[in-house]
Amino acid sequence: MPRSTRTLLAATTAILMGGMALHAQAETRVTYKSASAGTAYYQMGVELAEGIRQGTDGEVVVTLEESQGSIQNVMEVMARQGNYVFTTPPGLVESALEGKGPFAKRQSPRFEDIRGLFPIPAITMHFVLADEAGVVGLDALKDKKILIGQGTFGAREAQRYLELFELIDTVDVANASIGSGPDALKNGQIDAFVTSSSFPTPNVIETAASMPISLVSLTDEQIGQTGAAHQTIPAGTYAGIEEDVETTSLPVIAYTTTSMDEDTAYTLTRTFWERRDAMAEEAAWWDSITHDMIGNIAGTLHPGALRYYDEAGIEIPDELR
């Protein structure tokens, strides 16, 4: 090979490798910690990672990590640096900041560095009955055998609501795993079950596709009495449910820390909202996200996220600034 050819080849290779190195340097990597594999929230993480990749032309790469739950996600703030994003109900962030609950014996100044980005689909309460009415009130649960499960957020809330609205002595609470709810309802072993998940939730879709169901809709006064966040399940979300269902939910928020730079937080927040509709076309639960849900964030927003909201003209409560 002539010397001039070898020189040209070497120069070309150097340019290509230099270009690859620049691309690698330009790529921003983000760790996203949400839930255990196989759950709805892990699947949301998969969808969000793909949405961010598409929305940034691959310049931001989101890597999912499995989690044992929201408490672990918050606890890891103590050790994490860089672009760490995690999901949790805002109440746990408040507990971490106040040194209460699960954080009472494990306090850290790092919790003061937690900053909000954007909401993700909330954990929504569903009271499902074997009934053709479609939408019913709480009184429809009276004298029913109802499965609420054990040890979950939904089970605790269902128990609290039955006691709060003085229904606990009028119902027969079944002793079984909530996972058996749809089959037990179809087989007539129970009259109703309670489940909590982002909507549309697969077990309610499955049940509604195979038999007539009704969902309990709460009044504004009842929702106020629960002290929980108001959530509307739109008409048509489930087969046979032709009216809006008013219920409650546990908000879930994507957070990061001050270790994330402003531009990265801005890009993540902007891309999330710009890709929301496209993600909703693939998975309907993203359609539940509205700008009003930003107000559920505990603590304050990351400056990068706040920059996007201000640019987009989205109203932000003063306490989040």
Protein backbone atom coordinates (compact mmCIF):
# COMPACT_ATOMS: atom_id res chain seq x y z
CA MET A 1 0.00 0.00 0.00
CA PRO A 2 1.49 3.37 -0.99
CA ARG A 3 2.55 5.61 1.87
CA SER A 4 0.08 8.34 0.83
CA THR A 5 -2.79 5.84 0.93
CA ARG A 6 -1.76 4.59 4.37
CA THR A 7 -1.56 8.19 5.59
CA LEU A 8 -5.03 8.97 4.21
CA LEU A 9 -6.48 5.80 5.75
CA ALA A 10 -4.96 6.60 9.14
CA ALA A 11 -6.27 10.15 9.00
CA THR A 12 -9.76 8.97 8.06
CA THR A 13 -9.77 6.42 10.88
CA ALA A 14 -8.68 9.08 13.36
CA ILE A 15 -11.48 11.39 12.23
CA LEU A 16 -14.09 8.63 12.56
CA MET A 17 -12.84 7.61 15.99
CA GLY A 18 -12.74 11.23 17.07
CA GLY A 19 -16.33 11.66 15.91
CA MET A 20 -17.39 8.57 17.86
CA ALA A 21 -15.65 9.88 20.96
CA LEU A 22 -17.41 13.24 20.65
CA HIS A 23 -20.75 11.45 20.28
CA ALA A 24 -20.04 9.37 23.39
CA GLN A 25 -19.16 12.52 25.31
CA ALA A 26 -22.33 14.26 24.09
CA GLU A 27 -24.54 11.36 25.20
CA THR A 28 -26.18 11.97 28.58
CA ARG A 29 -26.91 8.93 30.74
CA VAL A 30 -29.69 8.87 33.30
CA THR A 31 -30.50 6.15 35.84
CA TYR A 32 -34.24 5.63 36.39
CA LYS A 33 -35.34 3.65 39.46
CA SER A 34 -39.01 2.87 39.87
CA ALA A 35 -40.29 -0.61 40.73
CA SER A 36 -39.68 -4.33 40.35
CA ALA A 37 -39.76 -6.00 36.94
CA GLY A 38 -43.18 -7.21 35.85
CA THR A 39 -45.08 -4.37 37.51
CA ALA A 40 -47.01 -1.62 35.75
CA TYR A 41 -44.55 0.98 37.00
CA TYR A 42 -41.55 -0.90 35.64
CA GLN A 43 -43.33 -1.08 32.28
CA MET A 44 -43.90 2.67 32.47
CA GLY A 45 -40.15 3.04 32.97
CA VAL A 46 -39.53 1.05 29.78
CA GLU A 47 -41.96 3.27 27.87
CA LEU A 48 -40.53 6.46 29.35
CA ALA A 49 -36.96 5.45 28.49
CA GLU A 50 -37.97 4.82 24.88
CA GLY A 51 -39.90 8.10 24.74
CA ILE A 52 -36.88 10.04 26.00
CA ARG A 53 -34.60 8.24 23.52
CA GLN A 54 -36.87 9.09 20.60
CA GLY A 55 -37.52 12.64 21.78
CA THR A 56 -33.81 13.44 22.11
CA ASP A 57 -32.60 11.47 19.06
CA GLY A 58 -30.65 9.21 21.38
CA GLU A 59 -28.74 12.03 23.08
CA VAL A 60 -30.25 11.10 26.45
CA VAL A 61 -30.07 7.42 27.40
CA VAL A 62 -32.26 6.28 30.30
CA THR A 63 -31.19 3.05 32.02
CA LEU A 64 -33.77 1.28 34.17
CA GLU A 65 -32.95 -0.25 37.52
CA GLU A 66 -35.25 -2.57 39.43
CA SER A 67 -36.43 -1.42 42.83
CA GLN A 68 -38.06 -2.95 45.88
CA GLY A 69 -40.28 0.09 46.25
CA SER A 70 -40.58 3.79 46.82
CA ILE A 71 -38.93 3.84 50.25
CA GLN A 72 -35.78 2.28 48.78
CA ASN A 73 -35.86 4.80 45.93
CA VAL A 74 -35.81 7.71 48.37
CA MET A 75 -33.23 6.09 50.67
CA GLU A 76 -30.78 5.77 47.79
CA VAL A 77 -30.63 9.56 47.51
CA MET A 78 -28.16 9.37 50.41
CA ALA A 79 -25.56 7.62 48.23
CA ARG A 80 -26.44 8.49 44.64
CA GLN A 81 -24.63 11.11 42.60
CA GLY A 82 -25.16 12.35 39.06
CA ASN A 83 -28.31 11.84 37.03
CA TYR A 84 -30.42 9.75 39.38
CA VAL A 85 -34.19 9.82 38.71
CA PHE A 86 -36.59 7.94 40.95
CA THR A 87 -40.33 7.64 41.43
CA THR A 88 -42.20 7.90 44.70
CA PRO A 89 -45.44 9.24 46.18
CA PRO A 90 -44.84 12.83 47.33
CA GLY A 91 -45.80 11.91 50.88
CA LEU A 92 -42.59 9.90 51.24
CA VAL A 93 -40.52 12.90 50.18
CA GLU A 94 -42.29 14.94 52.86
CA SER A 95 -41.50 12.21 55.42
CA ALA A 96 -37.83 12.17 54.36
CA LEU A 97 -37.58 15.96 54.66
CA GLU A 98 -39.22 15.89 58.10
CA GLY A 99 -37.33 12.80 59.34
CA LYS A 100 -40.53 10.91 60.03
CA GLY A 101 -41.97 7.47 59.32
CA PRO A 102 -39.51 5.11 57.60
CA PHE A 103 -36.88 7.86 57.68
CA ALA A 104 -37.06 8.59 61.41
CA LYS A 105 -33.97 6.47 62.15
CA ARG A 106 -32.21 7.14 58.85
CA GLN A 107 -32.06 10.87 58.37
CA SER A 108 -29.71 12.56 55.93
CA PRO A 109 -29.01 16.13 54.79
CA ARG A 110 -29.00 14.72 51.25
CA PHE A 111 -32.79 14.54 51.37
CA GLU A 112 -32.77 18.34 51.20
CA ASP A 113 -31.35 17.97 47.67
CA ILE A 114 -34.44 16.19 46.29
CA ARG A 115 -36.10 18.11 43.45
CA GLY A 116 -39.26 17.41 41.43
CA LEU A 117 -39.44 16.87 37.66
CA PHE A 118 -42.89 15.71 36.49
CA PRO A 119 -45.86 13.52 37.50
CA ILE A 120 -46.37 9.97 36.29
CA PRO A 121 -49.64 7.97 36.37
CA ALA A 122 -51.13 7.84 39.85
CA ILE A 123 -52.10 4.77 41.87
CA THR A 124 -55.87 4.93 41.44
CA MET A 125 -58.52 3.28 43.60
CA HIS A 126 -60.99 0.99 41.78
CA PHE A 127 -64.02 -0.52 43.53
CA VAL A 128 -65.25 -3.18 41.09
CA LEU A 129 -68.63 -4.89 41.44
CA ALA A 130 -70.39 -7.68 39.55
CA ASP A 131 -73.22 -5.43 38.43
CA GLU A 132 -74.74 -4.13 35.19
CA ALA A 133 -75.42 -0.57 36.39
CA GLY A 134 -72.06 0.78 35.15
CA VAL A 135 -71.47 3.51 37.73
CA VAL A 136 -72.75 3.21 41.31
CA GLY A 137 -72.36 4.89 44.67
CA LEU A 138 -70.65 3.61 47.81
CA ASP A 139 -73.93 2.29 49.17
CA ALA A 140 -73.84 -0.40 46.48
CA LEU A 141 -71.17 -2.15 48.59
CA LYS A 142 -73.57 -2.80 51.48
CA ASP A 143 -74.24 -6.46 52.24
CA LYS A 144 -71.63 -7.52 49.69
CA LYS A 145 -68.74 -9.95 49.98
CA ILE A 146 -65.73 -7.88 49.01
CA LEU A 147 -62.07 -8.74 48.45
CA ILE A 148 -59.60 -5.98 49.37
CA GLY A 149 -56.36 -7.98 49.64
CA GLN A 150 -53.67 -7.55 52.27
CA GLY A 151 -50.57 -5.44 52.83
CA THR A 152 -50.91 -3.16 49.82
CA PHE A 153 -51.71 0.53 49.50
CA GLY A 154 -55.07 -0.42 47.96
CA ALA A 155 -55.92 -2.79 50.80
CA ARG A 156 -55.09 -0.18 53.45
CA GLU A 157 -57.11 2.49 51.67
CA ALA A 158 -60.08 0.18 51.12
CA GLN A 159 -60.11 -0.75 54.81
CA ARG A 160 -59.88 2.93 55.76
CA TYR A 161 -62.76 3.90 53.46
CA LEU A 162 -65.00 1.08 54.68
CA GLU A 163 -64.43 2.30 58.25
CA LEU A 164 -64.64 6.00 57.39
CA PHE A 165 -68.01 5.62 55.67
CA GLU A 166 -69.34 3.16 58.27
CA LEU A 167 -69.60 0.27 55.83
CA ILE A 168 -67.23 -2.11 57.60
CA ASP A 169 -70.01 -3.78 59.61
CA THR A 170 -72.24 -4.18 56.54
CA VAL A 171 -69.76 -6.02 54.30
CA ASP A 172 -68.12 -9.43 54.38
CA VAL A 173 -64.39 -8.95 53.73
CA ALA A 174 -62.99 -11.98 51.91
CA ASN A 175 -59.65 -13.40 53.09
CA ALA A 176 -57.66 -13.92 49.89
CA SER A 177 -54.97 -12.39 47.72
CA ILE A 178 -56.12 -9.49 45.56
CA GLY A 179 -54.61 -11.30 42.57
CA SER A 180 -57.52 -13.76 42.72
CA GLY A 181 -60.10 -10.94 42.58
CA PRO A 182 -61.08 -11.11 38.89
CA ASP A 183 -61.48 -14.90 38.87
CA ALA A 184 -63.34 -14.90 42.17
CA LEU A 185 -65.74 -12.25 40.85
CA LYS A 186 -66.36 -14.21 37.63
CA ASN A 187 -66.97 -17.40 39.60
CA GLY A 188 -69.43 -15.72 41.96
CA GLN A 189 -67.26 -16.32 45.04
CA ILE A 190 -67.27 -12.60 45.81
CA ASP A 191 -69.49 -9.65 44.86
CA ALA A 192 -66.77 -7.03 44.54
CA PHE A 193 -63.04 -6.43 44.74
CA VAL A 194 -60.82 -3.42 45.24
CA THR A 195 -57.65 -2.84 43.28
CA SER A 196 -55.23 0.08 43.03
CA SER A 197 -53.06 0.80 40.04
CA SER A 198 -52.64 3.36 37.31
CA PHE A 199 -55.56 3.16 34.92
CA PRO A 200 -56.53 1.45 32.74
CA THR A 201 -55.43 -1.42 34.95
CA PRO A 202 -55.14 -4.86 33.30
CA ASN A 203 -57.15 -6.83 35.88
CA VAL A 204 -60.15 -4.50 35.50
CA ILE A 205 -59.87 -4.55 31.69
CA GLU A 206 -59.84 -8.36 31.79
CA THR A 207 -62.83 -8.53 34.13
CA ALA A 208 -64.90 -5.99 32.18
CA ALA A 209 -64.22 -7.88 28.94
CA SER A 210 -65.68 -11.10 30.32
CA MET A 211 -68.65 -9.95 32.42
CA PRO A 212 -70.75 -6.86 33.26
CA ILE A 213 -69.15 -4.73 35.97
CA SER A 214 -69.81 -1.51 37.79
CA LEU A 215 -67.35 0.92 39.37
CA VAL A 216 -68.01 2.94 42.51
CA SER A 217 -67.96 6.71 41.96
CA LEU A 218 -67.50 8.94 45.01
CA THR A 219 -69.12 12.30 45.62
CA ASP A 220 -67.02 15.44 46.03
CA GLU A 221 -67.87 15.43 49.74
CA GLN A 222 -66.76 11.81 50.15
CA ILE A 223 -63.50 12.49 48.33
CA GLY A 224 -62.90 15.44 50.62
CA GLN A 225 -63.51 13.26 53.66
CA THR A 226 -60.85 10.77 52.56
CA GLY A 227 -58.19 13.48 52.39
CA ALA A 228 -56.81 11.78 49.27
CA ALA A 229 -56.18 13.28 45.84
CA HIS A 230 -59.16 13.41 43.49
CA GLN A 231 -58.88 11.28 40.34
CA THR A 232 -61.30 10.96 37.41
CA ILE A 233 -61.40 7.74 35.40
CA PRO A 234 -62.86 8.93 32.07
CA ALA A 235 -65.96 7.35 30.60
CA GLY A 236 -65.12 4.54 28.21
CA THR A 237 -61.89 3.56 29.98
CA TYR A 238 -63.45 0.17 30.70
CA ALA A 239 -66.10 -1.78 28.80
CA GLY A 240 -69.60 -0.94 30.03
CA ILE A 241 -68.53 2.12 32.02
CA GLU A 242 -70.08 4.96 30.01
CA GLU A 243 -69.78 7.73 32.61
CA ASP A 244 -66.82 9.36 34.34
CA VAL A 245 -65.91 7.67 37.61
CA GLU A 246 -64.80 9.98 40.42
CA THR A 247 -62.40 8.29 42.81
CA THR A 248 -59.15 8.89 44.68
CA SER A 249 -55.52 8.24 43.97
CA LEU A 250 -52.03 8.31 45.37
CA PRO A 251 -49.95 10.68 43.21
CA VAL A 252 -46.60 9.41 41.99
CA ILE A 253 -43.82 11.81 40.94
CA ALA A 254 -40.53 11.51 39.10
CA TYR A 255 -37.84 13.17 41.23
CA THR A 256 -34.13 13.80 40.91
CA THR A 257 -31.58 15.69 43.03
CA THR A 258 -29.49 18.83 42.75
CA SER A 259 -26.66 16.61 41.43
CA MET A 260 -28.41 16.72 38.05
CA ASP A 261 -27.43 19.76 36.00
CA GLU A 262 -30.05 22.25 34.88
CA ASP A 263 -29.87 21.44 31.17
CA THR A 264 -30.42 17.72 31.74
CA ALA A 265 -33.42 18.33 34.00
CA TYR A 266 -34.81 20.78 31.43
CA THR A 267 -34.38 18.28 28.58
CA LEU A 268 -35.96 15.41 30.53
CA THR A 269 -38.96 17.50 31.56
CA ARG A 270 -39.50 19.05 28.14
CA THR A 271 -39.16 15.71 26.36
CA PHE A 272 -41.55 13.99 28.77
CA TRP A 273 -44.33 16.47 28.10
CA GLU A 274 -43.65 16.63 24.37
CA ARG A 275 -43.76 12.82 24.09
CA ARG A 276 -46.71 12.31 26.44
CA ASP A 277 -49.33 12.08 23.67
CA ALA A 278 -47.21 9.68 21.62
CA MET A 279 -46.68 7.49 24.67
CA ALA A 280 -50.43 7.56 25.37
CA GLU A 281 -51.10 6.16 21.90
CA GLU A 282 -49.07 3.09 22.89
CA ALA A 283 -50.20 2.85 26.55
CA ALA A 284 -53.39 4.59 27.69
CA TRP A 285 -52.24 5.29 31.25
CA TRP A 286 -50.09 8.20 30.03
CA ASP A 287 -53.28 9.91 28.92
CA SER A 288 -54.17 10.42 32.60
CA ILE A 289 -51.31 12.90 33.08
CA THR A 290 -52.34 16.57 33.22
CA HIS A 291 -50.56 19.79 34.09
CA ASP A 292 -52.76 20.08 37.20
CA MET A 293 -50.91 17.07 38.66
CA ILE A 294 -47.70 19.11 38.92
CA GLY A 295 -49.25 20.67 42.03
CA ASN A 296 -49.00 17.28 43.79
CA ILE A 297 -45.20 17.51 43.88
CA ALA A 298 -43.73 17.75 47.39
CA GLY A 299 -40.68 19.93 48.02
CA THR A 300 -39.55 22.13 45.14
CA LEU A 301 -38.96 21.73 41.43
CA HIS A 302 -35.54 21.29 39.91
CA PRO A 303 -34.48 24.63 38.33
CA GLY A 304 -34.24 22.90 34.94
CA ALA A 305 -37.80 21.60 35.20
CA LEU A 306 -39.00 25.02 36.37
CA ARG A 307 -37.32 26.65 33.36
CA TYR A 308 -39.34 24.41 31.03
CA TYR A 309 -42.64 25.07 32.82
CA ASP A 310 -42.07 28.83 32.72
CA GLU A 311 -41.14 28.73 29.03
CA ALA A 312 -44.24 26.64 28.27
CA GLY A 313 -46.49 29.02 30.19
CA ILE A 314 -47.59 26.32 32.62
CA GLU A 315 -48.84 27.73 35.92
CA ILE A 316 -46.74 26.56 38.85
CA PRO A 317 -47.66 27.00 42.55
CA ASP A 318 -45.31 29.44 44.30
CA GLU A 319 -44.28 26.85 46.89
CA LEU A 320 -42.73 24.67 44.15
CA ARG A 321 -40.37 27.41 42.95
